[in-house]
Amino acid sequence: MTIDKRKVVYQIYPKSYKDTTGNGVGDLRGIIEKLPYLKELGIDMVWLNPFYPSPQRDNGYDISDYTAVNPDFGTMEDFEEMIAKGRQYGIEFMLDMVLNHCSTEHEWLKKALAGDPYYQDFFILRDQPTDWVSKFGGNAWAPFGDTGKYYLHLFDITQADLNWRNPNVREELFKVVNFWRDKGVKGFRFDVINLIGKDAELKDCPINDGKPAYTDRPITHDFLKMLNNASFGEDDSFMTVGEMSATTIENCILYTAPEREELSMAFNFHHLKVDYQDGQKWTIMDFDFVTLRDLFHSWGEGMSQGNGWNALFYNNHDQPRALNRFVDIKNFRNEGATMLAASIHLSRGTPYIYMGEEIGMIDPDYDSMSDYVDIESLNAYQILLDQGKSSEEAFTIIKAKSRDNARTPMQWDDSQNAGFTSATPWLKPAKSYQDINVQNEKNGKIFPFYQRLIQLRKDLPIIAEGDYKAAYKDSKSVYAFERQLNDQHLLVLNNFYGEVISLDLPEEYQNGSVLISNYEDIKPIGKQIELQPYQTIAISNK
């Protein structure tokens, strides 16, 4: 199983991309309308967040029907047209597959509750709950109707974990994957897929809320091999990515090494917790550059040496905008946005762009809690108040960390509601849309820079295929790495701060050529280089 390492993926949160029906919610026809824009950007594949029927307790990750389209987003005909039109523009689609759990509204669970033993074995039922904690807080077990048993829900109480040890469950889920393959889908992103392999005997595990008892268990690799062999594995052009919760380099090598026939690549989230005080999300602190640098190096080198493959990203639908987290946006938004882009697009792995990142979108800067709709944020606000925080302190934390920061409508132009909808949008647009929008940014600094990075990956084998080697490992402000392919070497320097930094250059890069930089007036490369605020520069030894 080999993947095309030149490809770049673009993530769309359908609800917030483009509304064509005037109901304030983005839809599949809106994505069809914007295919020429995506072609212009240069991406190869679009990953869509879930658009299936769902009670929406977890923004569509609680699926009640795996093989249908939620009417809020359109029809199956719209979906089929989107796939066909995308192909005309050279763009394929990757779907989100949530196979660890399903909604309690799914017919499987309804039949199980009605007493059907065949479907009861689709879920993880026990007479006595363990001490595991749900990732959404509280006990990970809930009463299973009036049966006297408990069902496992590692996430929301309405998301019942599926029993992958039951071959009937696996067969049904493999059918789901093949249903969408038959529709022309060419990629899948598997949600929290490293949690599917629970032990046969479930025991108390007081360590880390019980995570070691169900995370990265050896049987997970067996299940992924089965999934691969029963579906996408027969198609060499297929791309798969596993979202790996609290995972390790060692396991991600196993998940993604081509000869193991599991997945193409893996997401991990360690680097997006470097601004969590004491590991807690709902806190305020400056990001820890040294930890970020070391994580990038350990994962970059580890996966390179083990022949694994990383999915590279800073932004997604669950994270505040990276510019607000890592950059002085008041003074250096353009420079910071292009530096962050180069730091992953020139690295080893498949880069993912989250919608709006390519125009430098930032957090919305809301005025009050009434602007937020994300249930996690609303709950966190109340918890912060209960902990003794003032309303101002709690609101400041929500502003910095809410998932709604990434879910605001895509900013197309400076017209009302950022050109997203003619109606009242489901979520208030960011204040910045009159300045930061596609219409303006196409001629700005950030969008053209993304186009160049995407094209470089297609043109230069060293970027797509080269090894990763850490550079300037002790720098307190520069994240740097080398890419190597045969006798060609590329040094990538990324200044993460707003001060000028002077570096001594290795001899092989002195008099080297500049492949790309986000500053225009580049002096000849000598023994030293002065990096400007948030500068990125890639120097080739040839």
Protein backbone atom coordinates (compact mmCIF):
# COMPACT_ATOMS: atom_id res chain seq x y z
CA MET A 1 0.00 0.00 0.00
CA THR A 2 1.70 3.18 -1.20
CA ILE A 3 0.38 6.72 -1.13
CA ASP A 4 1.17 9.72 -3.29
CA LYS A 5 3.27 11.82 -0.93
CA ARG A 6 2.92 14.90 -3.15
CA LYS A 7 -0.74 15.38 -2.25
CA VAL A 8 -2.15 18.09 0.02
CA VAL A 9 -5.50 17.77 1.83
CA TYR A 10 -7.97 20.59 2.59
CA GLN A 11 -10.43 20.17 5.45
CA ILE A 12 -13.96 21.56 5.14
CA TYR A 13 -16.38 21.88 8.05
CA PRO A 14 -19.49 21.72 5.83
CA LYS A 15 -21.75 23.61 8.22
CA SER A 16 -19.57 26.71 7.90
CA TYR A 17 -18.24 26.70 4.34
CA LYS A 18 -20.97 28.05 2.02
CA ASP A 19 -24.75 28.21 2.35
CA THR A 20 -26.66 28.01 -0.95
CA THR A 21 -30.18 27.48 0.42
CA GLY A 22 -30.52 30.54 2.63
CA ASN A 23 -31.00 28.65 5.88
CA GLY A 24 -27.80 29.86 7.52
CA VAL A 25 -26.08 26.46 7.35
CA GLY A 26 -23.42 25.44 4.85
CA ASP A 27 -24.23 22.60 2.45
CA LEU A 28 -22.85 20.25 -0.19
CA ARG A 29 -23.92 22.53 -3.05
CA GLY A 30 -21.86 25.26 -1.43
CA ILE A 31 -18.83 23.01 -1.69
CA ILE A 32 -19.63 22.33 -5.36
CA GLU A 33 -19.83 26.10 -5.95
CA LYS A 34 -16.37 26.62 -4.47
CA LEU A 35 -14.55 23.82 -6.34
CA PRO A 36 -12.93 26.35 -8.74
CA TYR A 37 -11.49 28.17 -5.70
CA LEU A 38 -10.04 24.92 -4.33
CA LYS A 39 -8.58 24.12 -7.75
CA GLU A 40 -6.94 27.55 -7.80
CA LEU A 41 -5.41 26.91 -4.38
CA GLY A 42 -3.94 23.69 -5.74
CA ILE A 43 -5.10 21.07 -3.24
CA ASP A 44 -5.70 17.44 -4.24
CA MET A 45 -8.24 16.14 -1.76
CA VAL A 46 -11.01 17.54 0.46
CA TRP A 47 -11.71 16.00 3.87
CA LEU A 48 -15.31 16.60 4.93
CA ASN A 49 -16.44 16.50 8.55
CA PRO A 50 -19.52 14.28 9.09
CA PHE A 51 -22.64 15.17 7.09
CA TYR A 52 -24.65 12.05 7.98
CA PRO A 53 -28.01 11.98 9.83
CA SER A 54 -27.31 12.72 13.48
CA PRO A 55 -28.97 14.16 16.59
CA GLN A 56 -25.96 16.55 16.63
CA ARG A 57 -25.05 15.98 20.25
CA ASP A 58 -21.41 15.95 19.15
CA ASN A 59 -21.52 17.99 15.93
CA GLY A 60 -22.30 15.02 13.73
CA TYR A 61 -19.81 12.61 15.30
CA ASP A 62 -22.86 10.90 16.80
CA ILE A 63 -24.12 9.12 13.68
CA SER A 64 -27.61 7.64 13.48
CA ASP A 65 -27.30 6.45 9.85
CA TYR A 66 -23.91 5.76 8.29
CA THR A 67 -25.09 5.57 4.66
CA ALA A 68 -27.29 8.65 4.19
CA VAL A 69 -26.94 12.42 3.89
CA ASN A 70 -28.36 14.71 6.59
CA PRO A 71 -31.04 16.82 4.81
CA ASP A 72 -29.49 19.93 6.40
CA PHE A 73 -26.56 19.45 4.02
CA GLY A 74 -28.43 18.31 0.90
CA THR A 75 -29.25 15.04 -0.84
CA MET A 76 -27.40 11.95 -2.00
CA GLU A 77 -27.73 13.36 -5.52
CA ASP A 78 -25.90 16.48 -4.36
CA PHE A 79 -23.19 14.27 -2.90
CA GLU A 80 -22.80 12.29 -6.12
CA GLU A 81 -22.63 15.50 -8.15
CA MET A 82 -19.97 16.86 -5.78
CA ILE A 83 -17.82 13.76 -6.29
CA ALA A 84 -18.20 13.93 -10.08
CA LYS A 85 -17.58 17.69 -10.34
CA GLY A 86 -14.63 17.42 -7.97
CA ARG A 87 -13.03 14.85 -10.23
CA GLN A 88 -13.38 17.25 -13.17
CA TYR A 89 -11.23 19.70 -11.19
CA GLY A 90 -8.74 17.02 -10.14
CA ILE A 91 -10.08 17.01 -6.57
CA GLU A 92 -11.01 13.82 -4.70
CA PHE A 93 -12.94 13.52 -1.42
CA MET A 94 -12.08 12.03 1.97
CA LEU A 95 -14.94 11.23 4.36
CA ASP A 96 -14.95 11.15 8.14
CA MET A 97 -15.70 7.63 9.39
CA VAL A 98 -16.77 7.38 13.04
CA LEU A 99 -16.47 3.64 13.65
CA ASN A 100 -15.61 3.55 17.36
CA HIS A 101 -19.15 4.48 18.40
CA CYS A 102 -22.57 5.33 17.03
CA SER A 103 -25.48 7.44 18.21
CA THR A 104 -27.93 5.93 20.65
CA GLU A 105 -30.49 6.90 17.98
CA HIS A 106 -28.98 4.34 15.56
CA GLU A 107 -31.26 1.41 14.71
CA TRP A 108 -28.66 -1.06 16.06
CA LEU A 109 -28.95 0.37 19.55
CA LYS A 110 -32.72 0.69 19.35
CA LYS A 111 -32.96 -3.02 18.49
CA ALA A 112 -30.54 -3.87 21.28
CA LEU A 113 -32.63 -1.93 23.80
CA ALA A 114 -35.74 -3.72 22.54
CA GLY A 115 -34.13 -6.95 23.71
CA ASP A 116 -32.59 -8.40 20.53
CA PRO A 117 -29.51 -10.35 21.72
CA TYR A 118 -27.93 -10.22 18.24
CA TYR A 119 -27.76 -6.42 18.41
CA GLN A 120 -26.97 -6.29 22.12
CA ASP A 121 -23.65 -7.91 21.19
CA PHE A 122 -22.99 -4.91 18.90
CA PHE A 123 -22.21 -2.91 22.04
CA ILE A 124 -19.98 -3.26 25.08
CA LEU A 125 -22.31 -4.27 27.89
CA ARG A 126 -21.28 -5.26 31.38
CA ASP A 127 -23.03 -6.09 34.65
CA GLN A 128 -20.60 -3.88 36.57
CA PRO A 129 -19.00 -0.66 35.25
CA THR A 130 -15.27 -0.03 35.54
CA ASP A 131 -13.76 3.17 36.93
CA TRP A 132 -13.04 4.58 33.46
CA VAL A 133 -13.81 8.26 32.87
CA SER A 134 -15.54 9.54 29.74
CA LYS A 135 -13.49 11.92 27.61
CA PHE A 136 -16.42 14.32 27.94
CA GLY A 137 -16.38 14.03 31.74
CA GLY A 138 -18.14 11.75 34.19
CA ASN A 139 -18.36 7.96 34.24
CA ALA A 140 -17.76 6.18 30.92
CA TRP A 141 -20.66 3.80 31.62
CA ALA A 142 -24.41 4.39 31.62
CA PRO A 143 -27.39 2.16 32.40
CA PHE A 144 -28.52 0.15 29.38
CA GLY A 145 -32.25 0.76 29.56
CA ASP A 146 -33.84 -1.27 32.33
CA THR A 147 -31.76 -4.39 31.68
CA GLY A 148 -29.59 -3.94 34.77
CA LYS A 149 -26.52 -3.78 32.50
CA TYR A 150 -24.30 -0.83 31.61
CA TYR A 151 -23.03 0.24 28.18
CA LEU A 152 -19.64 1.84 27.51
CA HIS A 153 -19.50 5.37 26.09
CA LEU A 154 -15.99 6.79 25.98
CA PHE A 155 -17.49 10.05 24.70
CA ASP A 156 -20.98 11.52 25.13
CA ILE A 157 -23.64 9.42 26.84
CA THR A 158 -25.46 9.33 23.48
CA GLN A 159 -22.41 7.79 21.75
CA ALA A 160 -22.34 4.06 22.48
CA ASP A 161 -19.02 2.30 21.81
CA LEU A 162 -19.22 -0.51 19.27
CA ASN A 163 -17.95 -4.02 20.02
CA TRP A 164 -15.26 -4.62 17.40
CA ARG A 165 -14.60 -8.09 18.84
CA ASN A 166 -17.94 -9.14 17.32
CA PRO A 167 -17.33 -10.19 13.67
CA ASN A 168 -20.88 -9.10 12.80
CA VAL A 169 -20.05 -5.53 13.86
CA ARG A 170 -16.89 -5.55 11.77
CA GLU A 171 -18.79 -6.85 8.76
CA GLU A 172 -21.40 -4.09 9.06
CA LEU A 173 -18.75 -1.38 9.40
CA PHE A 174 -16.78 -2.72 6.46
CA LYS A 175 -20.01 -2.52 4.43
CA VAL A 176 -20.31 1.16 5.39
CA VAL A 177 -16.79 1.89 4.17
CA ASN A 178 -17.42 0.07 0.90
CA PHE A 179 -20.76 1.84 0.40
CA TRP A 180 -18.94 5.17 0.20
CA ARG A 181 -16.11 3.73 -1.86
CA ASP A 182 -18.72 2.67 -4.41
CA LYS A 183 -19.90 6.31 -4.46
CA GLY A 184 -16.44 7.35 -5.65
CA VAL A 185 -14.84 8.44 -2.39
CA LYS A 186 -11.02 8.12 -2.47
CA GLY A 187 -10.09 8.69 1.16
CA PHE A 188 -11.20 8.16 4.75
CA ARG A 189 -10.32 9.84 8.02
CA PHE A 190 -11.03 7.40 10.83
CA ASP A 191 -12.15 9.10 14.02
CA VAL A 192 -10.39 8.00 17.28
CA ILE A 193 -9.60 4.72 15.54
CA ASN A 194 -6.94 3.65 18.04
CA LEU A 195 -9.66 3.17 20.67
CA ILE A 196 -11.56 0.38 18.88
CA GLY A 197 -9.51 -2.47 20.40
CA LYS A 198 -10.78 -2.79 23.95
CA ASP A 199 -9.59 -5.77 26.00
CA ALA A 200 -11.89 -8.81 26.17
CA GLU A 201 -11.93 -8.50 29.95
CA LEU A 202 -12.44 -4.92 31.07
CA LYS A 203 -10.85 -4.01 34.38
CA ASP A 204 -10.54 -0.94 36.58
CA CYS A 205 -7.65 1.31 35.56
CA PRO A 206 -7.14 4.33 37.82
CA ILE A 207 -4.19 5.55 35.71
CA ASN A 208 -4.98 8.56 33.50
CA ASP A 209 -8.78 8.10 33.69
CA GLY A 210 -8.48 4.54 32.38
CA LYS A 211 -6.91 5.48 29.02
CA PRO A 212 -4.21 2.73 29.08
CA ALA A 213 -6.97 0.10 29.23
CA TYR A 214 -8.42 0.99 25.83
CA THR A 215 -5.82 3.03 23.91
CA ASP A 216 -3.47 1.53 21.28
CA ARG A 217 -4.23 -2.05 22.38
CA PRO A 218 -2.40 -4.65 20.22
CA ILE A 219 -5.65 -6.03 18.80
CA THR A 220 -6.34 -2.62 17.21
CA HIS A 221 -3.65 -3.39 14.63
CA ASP A 222 -5.38 -6.69 13.81
CA PHE A 223 -8.70 -4.91 13.34
CA LEU A 224 -7.15 -2.30 11.03
CA LYS A 225 -5.56 -5.01 8.90
CA MET A 226 -8.99 -6.64 8.58
CA LEU A 227 -10.56 -3.30 7.62
CA ASN A 228 -7.81 -2.65 5.08
CA ASN A 229 -8.09 -6.09 3.50
CA ALA A 230 -11.91 -5.95 3.34
CA SER A 231 -12.14 -2.52 1.72
CA PHE A 232 -9.72 0.20 0.64
CA GLY A 233 -6.58 -1.98 0.65
CA GLU A 234 -7.26 -3.19 -2.86
CA ASP A 235 -6.99 0.38 -4.23
CA ASP A 236 -3.41 1.68 -4.28
CA SER A 237 -4.55 5.26 -4.91
CA PHE A 238 -6.63 5.35 -1.72
CA MET A 239 -5.64 7.63 1.18
CA THR A 240 -6.48 6.88 4.80
CA VAL A 241 -5.64 8.73 8.00
CA GLY A 242 -6.25 7.63 11.55
CA GLU A 243 -7.03 10.11 14.29
CA MET A 244 -4.96 8.72 17.14
CA SER A 245 -5.91 9.71 20.67
CA ALA A 246 -3.07 9.87 23.24
CA THR A 247 -0.88 7.73 20.98
CA THR A 248 2.86 6.98 20.66
CA ILE A 249 5.46 7.18 17.90
CA GLU A 250 6.00 3.42 18.15
CA ASN A 251 2.32 2.67 17.53
CA CYS A 252 2.00 5.23 14.74
CA ILE A 253 4.90 3.59 12.90
CA LEU A 254 2.97 0.31 13.14
CA TYR A 255 -0.27 1.97 12.00
CA THR A 256 1.31 3.60 8.96
CA ALA A 257 4.33 1.61 7.71
CA PRO A 258 3.23 0.57 4.18
CA GLU A 259 4.23 -3.08 4.51
CA ARG A 260 1.87 -3.53 7.50
CA GLU A 261 -1.23 -2.75 5.42
CA GLU A 262 -3.12 -0.77 8.04
CA LEU A 263 -3.42 2.99 7.29
CA SER A 264 -1.65 5.58 5.12
CA MET A 265 -0.92 8.09 7.89
CA ALA A 266 -1.73 9.18 11.44
CA PHE A 267 -2.83 12.35 13.21
CA ASN A 268 -1.50 13.00 16.70
CA PHE A 269 -2.33 16.00 18.89
CA HIS A 270 0.56 16.31 21.31
CA HIS A 271 1.86 19.51 19.67
CA LEU A 272 -1.48 21.25 20.16
CA LYS A 273 -1.35 20.95 23.94
CA VAL A 274 1.74 23.13 24.38
CA ASP A 275 -0.41 26.02 25.65
CA TYR A 276 -2.24 23.89 28.24
CA GLN A 277 -1.25 24.86 31.79
CA ASP A 278 -0.48 21.61 33.65
CA GLY A 279 -2.02 19.70 30.76
CA GLN A 280 -5.44 21.33 31.26
CA LYS A 281 -7.19 22.80 28.20
CA TRP A 282 -9.27 25.47 29.95
CA THR A 283 -6.31 27.58 31.05
CA ILE A 284 -4.35 30.53 29.66
CA MET A 285 -0.63 30.38 29.02
CA ASP A 286 1.85 31.33 26.31
CA PHE A 287 2.77 28.36 24.15
CA ASP A 288 5.88 26.44 25.22
CA PHE A 289 8.17 26.70 22.19
CA VAL A 290 10.77 24.26 23.47
CA THR A 291 8.16 21.54 23.99
CA LEU A 292 6.67 22.24 20.55
CA ARG A 293 10.11 22.08 18.92
CA ASP A 294 11.03 18.83 20.67
CA LEU A 295 7.71 17.19 19.76
CA PHE A 296 8.14 18.07 16.10
CA HIS A 297 11.69 16.72 16.15
CA SER A 298 10.90 13.48 17.97
CA TRP A 299 7.92 12.69 15.76
CA GLY A 300 9.67 13.86 12.59
CA GLU A 301 12.78 11.78 13.18
CA GLY A 302 11.02 8.80 14.77
CA MET A 303 8.50 8.39 11.96
CA SER A 304 11.21 8.98 9.33
CA GLN A 305 13.50 6.33 10.78
CA GLY A 306 10.65 3.84 11.24
CA ASN A 307 9.15 4.44 7.78
CA GLY A 308 5.89 5.70 9.27
CA TRP A 309 4.00 8.68 7.85
CA ASN A 310 2.63 11.74 9.67
CA ALA A 311 -0.41 13.84 8.87
CA LEU A 312 0.81 17.41 9.45
CA PHE A 313 -1.50 20.17 10.70
CA TYR A 314 -1.95 23.13 13.05
CA ASN A 315 -5.66 23.77 12.60
CA ASN A 316 -8.87 21.77 12.58
CA HIS A 317 -12.52 22.02 13.64
CA ASP A 318 -11.67 21.28 17.29
CA GLN A 319 -8.80 23.75 17.76
CA PRO A 320 -8.59 27.53 18.17
CA ARG A 321 -6.91 29.20 15.20
CA ALA A 322 -3.16 28.56 15.23
CA LEU A 323 -2.39 32.21 14.45
CA ASN A 324 -3.90 33.27 17.77
CA ARG A 325 -1.93 30.59 19.61
CA PHE A 326 1.52 30.95 18.09
CA VAL A 327 1.82 34.39 16.47
CA ASP A 328 1.75 38.10 17.36
CA ILE A 329 -1.15 38.71 14.98
CA LYS A 330 -1.37 42.44 15.67
CA ASN A 331 2.04 43.03 14.12
CA PHE A 332 2.95 39.96 12.09
CA ARG A 333 -0.17 38.12 10.87
CA ASN A 334 1.10 37.67 7.29
CA GLU A 335 4.60 36.64 8.34
CA GLY A 336 3.33 34.32 11.07
CA ALA A 337 0.78 32.64 8.82
CA THR A 338 3.30 31.95 6.07
CA MET A 339 5.95 30.76 8.55
CA LEU A 340 3.55 28.28 10.16
CA ALA A 341 2.54 27.03 6.71
CA ALA A 342 6.12 26.43 5.59
CA SER A 343 7.03 24.71 8.86
CA ILE A 344 4.69 21.84 7.99
CA HIS A 345 4.41 21.95 4.18
CA LEU A 346 8.17 21.59 3.82
CA SER A 347 8.33 18.81 6.42
CA ARG A 348 7.98 15.04 6.02
CA GLY A 349 4.32 14.03 5.97
CA THR A 350 1.06 14.96 4.28
CA PRO A 351 0.02 18.58 5.00
CA TYR A 352 -3.60 19.37 5.91
CA ILE A 353 -5.03 22.86 5.44
CA TYR A 354 -8.10 23.75 7.49
CA MET A 355 -10.55 26.04 5.68
CA GLY A 356 -9.65 29.70 6.11
CA GLU A 357 -6.09 28.95 7.18
CA GLU A 358 -4.95 29.74 3.61
CA ILE A 359 -6.22 33.32 4.01
CA GLY A 360 -4.98 33.80 7.57
CA MET A 361 -8.31 33.62 9.41
CA ILE A 362 -8.16 34.33 13.15
CA ASP A 363 -10.39 33.72 16.18
CA PRO A 364 -13.71 35.61 16.06
CA ASP A 365 -13.17 37.94 19.07
CA TYR A 366 -16.71 37.48 20.36
CA ASP A 367 -18.16 39.89 22.91
CA SER A 368 -20.16 37.59 25.20
CA MET A 369 -21.00 33.98 26.00
CA SER A 370 -24.25 34.38 24.08
CA ASP A 371 -22.19 34.31 20.86
CA TYR A 372 -21.04 30.72 21.52
CA VAL A 373 -23.00 27.61 20.61
CA ASP A 374 -20.48 24.80 21.23
CA ILE A 375 -21.76 22.65 24.09
CA GLU A 376 -18.23 21.94 25.33
CA SER A 377 -17.57 25.68 25.66
CA LEU A 378 -20.85 26.38 27.43
CA ASN A 379 -20.22 23.55 29.88
CA ALA A 380 -16.63 24.67 30.46
CA TYR A 381 -17.77 28.22 31.22
CA GLN A 382 -20.08 26.95 33.96
CA ILE A 383 -17.36 24.69 35.38
CA LEU A 384 -14.91 27.62 35.47
CA LEU A 385 -17.47 29.70 37.36
CA ASP A 386 -18.04 26.82 39.77
CA GLN A 387 -14.30 26.68 40.37
CA GLY A 388 -14.40 30.28 41.58
CA LYS A 389 -13.37 32.16 38.46
CA SER A 390 -15.04 35.52 37.83
CA SER A 391 -17.25 35.80 34.75
CA GLU A 392 -14.53 37.93 33.09
CA GLU A 393 -11.81 35.37 33.81
CA ALA A 394 -13.97 32.49 32.59
CA PHE A 395 -14.95 34.35 29.41
CA THR A 396 -11.30 35.15 28.64
CA ILE A 397 -10.46 31.45 28.80
CA ILE A 398 -13.41 30.46 26.59
CA LYS A 399 -12.37 33.10 24.03
CA ALA A 400 -8.92 31.56 23.84
CA LYS A 401 -9.85 27.88 23.79
CA SER A 402 -13.35 27.39 22.36
CA ARG A 403 -13.86 25.05 19.40
CA ASP A 404 -16.19 27.70 17.94
CA ASN A 405 -13.06 29.71 17.15
CA ALA A 406 -12.46 27.38 14.20
CA ARG A 407 -16.10 26.92 13.23
CA THR A 408 -17.00 30.48 12.29
CA PRO A 409 -18.23 30.90 8.71
CA MET A 410 -15.66 30.92 5.92
CA GLN A 411 -14.84 34.52 5.00
CA TRP A 412 -15.42 34.90 1.26
CA ASP A 413 -15.79 38.67 0.94
CA ASP A 414 -16.62 41.82 2.90
CA SER A 415 -20.39 41.66 2.30
CA GLN A 416 -22.81 40.89 5.12
CA ASN A 417 -22.03 37.60 6.90
CA ALA A 418 -18.72 37.37 5.03
CA GLY A 419 -20.46 36.12 1.87
CA PHE A 420 -21.28 32.85 3.64
CA THR A 421 -25.07 33.18 3.72
CA SER A 422 -27.92 35.53 2.89
CA ALA A 423 -29.67 34.46 6.09
CA THR A 424 -28.78 34.53 9.78
CA PRO A 425 -25.72 32.25 10.05
CA TRP A 426 -25.83 29.36 12.52
CA LEU A 427 -22.70 30.83 14.14
CA LYS A 428 -21.75 34.50 14.17
CA PRO A 429 -18.95 35.42 11.71
CA ALA A 430 -15.63 36.67 13.04
CA LYS A 431 -15.26 40.42 13.38
CA SER A 432 -12.26 40.38 11.02
CA TYR A 433 -14.14 39.34 7.87
CA GLN A 434 -14.24 42.81 6.30
CA ASP A 435 -10.44 42.80 6.11
CA ILE A 436 -9.58 39.09 6.07
CA ASN A 437 -11.47 37.40 3.25
CA VAL A 438 -10.82 35.45 0.08
CA GLN A 439 -11.51 38.45 -2.15
CA ASN A 440 -8.75 40.47 -0.44
CA GLU A 441 -6.30 37.69 0.35
CA LYS A 442 -6.02 36.25 -3.15
CA ASN A 443 -3.89 39.28 -3.92
CA GLY A 444 -2.28 39.36 -0.50
CA LYS A 445 0.69 37.53 1.02
CA ILE A 446 -0.77 34.34 2.49
CA PHE A 447 -2.89 32.68 -0.23
CA PRO A 448 -0.18 32.94 -2.95
CA PHE A 449 2.38 31.58 -0.48
CA TYR A 450 0.20 28.50 0.14
CA GLN A 451 -0.08 28.04 -3.63
CA ARG A 452 3.72 28.05 -3.92
CA LEU A 453 4.17 25.57 -1.07
CA ILE A 454 1.63 23.17 -2.58
CA GLN A 455 3.35 23.39 -5.98
CA LEU A 456 6.82 22.84 -4.48
CA ARG A 457 5.66 19.55 -2.93
CA LYS A 458 4.46 18.42 -6.36
CA ASP A 459 7.63 19.56 -8.16
CA LEU A 460 10.44 18.57 -5.79
CA PRO A 461 10.89 14.93 -4.70
CA ILE A 462 13.02 16.03 -1.72
CA ILE A 463 9.93 17.66 -0.13
CA ALA A 464 7.58 14.78 -0.84
CA GLU A 465 10.00 11.91 -0.26
CA GLY A 466 13.03 13.13 1.70
CA ASP A 467 14.08 12.04 5.18
CA TYR A 468 13.68 14.30 8.23
CA LYS A 469 16.60 15.35 10.42
CA ALA A 470 16.41 17.80 13.34
CA ALA A 471 18.55 20.95 13.11
CA TYR A 472 19.47 23.63 15.69
CA LYS A 473 18.01 21.34 18.36
CA ASP A 474 18.86 23.72 21.21
CA SER A 475 17.46 26.92 19.70
CA LYS A 476 15.01 28.73 21.97
CA SER A 477 13.22 30.46 19.10
CA VAL A 478 13.92 28.71 15.78
CA TYR A 479 12.34 25.43 14.70
CA ALA A 480 14.63 24.04 12.02
CA PHE A 481 15.01 20.77 10.19
CA GLU A 482 16.80 19.24 7.24
CA ARG A 483 15.28 17.19 4.46
CA GLN A 484 17.58 14.74 2.66
CA LEU A 485 17.14 12.77 -0.55
CA ASN A 486 20.22 11.17 -2.08
CA ASP A 487 22.85 13.93 -2.26
CA GLN A 488 20.35 16.80 -2.05
CA HIS A 489 19.85 18.53 1.29
CA LEU A 490 17.35 21.23 2.25
CA LEU A 491 17.56 23.31 5.43
CA VAL A 492 14.29 24.86 6.63
CA LEU A 493 14.51 27.63 9.26
CA ASN A 494 11.38 28.93 11.04
CA ASN A 495 11.59 31.88 13.43
CA PHE A 496 8.68 31.55 15.88
CA TYR A 497 9.12 35.02 17.37
CA GLY A 498 8.92 38.71 16.51
CA GLU A 499 12.64 39.40 17.06
CA VAL A 500 15.55 39.18 14.63
CA ILE A 501 17.64 36.04 15.21
CA SER A 502 21.20 35.48 13.98
CA LEU A 503 22.35 31.93 13.15
CA ASP A 504 25.62 30.40 11.97
CA LEU A 505 25.00 28.27 8.89
CA PRO A 506 26.55 24.84 8.27
CA GLU A 507 29.18 24.97 5.56
CA GLU A 508 27.20 22.94 3.04
CA TYR A 509 24.46 25.60 2.96
CA GLN A 510 26.78 28.59 2.65
CA ASN A 511 26.35 29.94 -0.88
CA GLY A 512 23.29 27.69 -1.18
CA SER A 513 20.17 28.69 -3.10
CA VAL A 514 16.94 29.95 -1.51
CA LEU A 515 14.01 27.74 -2.43
CA ILE A 516 11.33 29.85 -0.73
CA SER A 517 11.04 32.57 1.91
CA ASN A 518 8.26 34.78 3.23
CA TYR A 519 10.54 37.84 2.99
CA GLU A 520 11.46 39.21 -0.42
CA ASP A 521 14.80 41.02 -0.05
CA ILE A 522 17.04 37.99 0.58
CA LYS A 523 20.75 38.66 0.96
CA PRO A 524 23.25 36.18 -0.51
CA ILE A 525 23.62 33.17 1.78
CA GLY A 526 26.92 33.33 3.66
CA LYS A 527 28.32 32.00 6.92
CA GLN A 528 25.57 33.67 8.95
CA ILE A 529 21.94 34.44 8.41
CA GLU A 530 19.70 36.97 10.12
CA LEU A 531 16.15 35.70 10.41
CA GLN A 532 13.57 38.47 10.44
CA PRO A 533 10.47 38.32 12.70
CA TYR A 534 8.51 35.15 11.91
CA GLN A 535 10.69 34.51 8.87
CA THR A 536 10.74 31.14 7.17
CA ILE A 537 13.43 30.30 4.66
CA ALA A 538 14.39 27.07 2.91
CA ILE A 539 17.98 26.80 1.68
CA SER A 540 19.13 24.08 -0.72
CA ASN A 541 22.72 22.86 -0.80
CA LYS A 542 22.57 22.82 -4.61
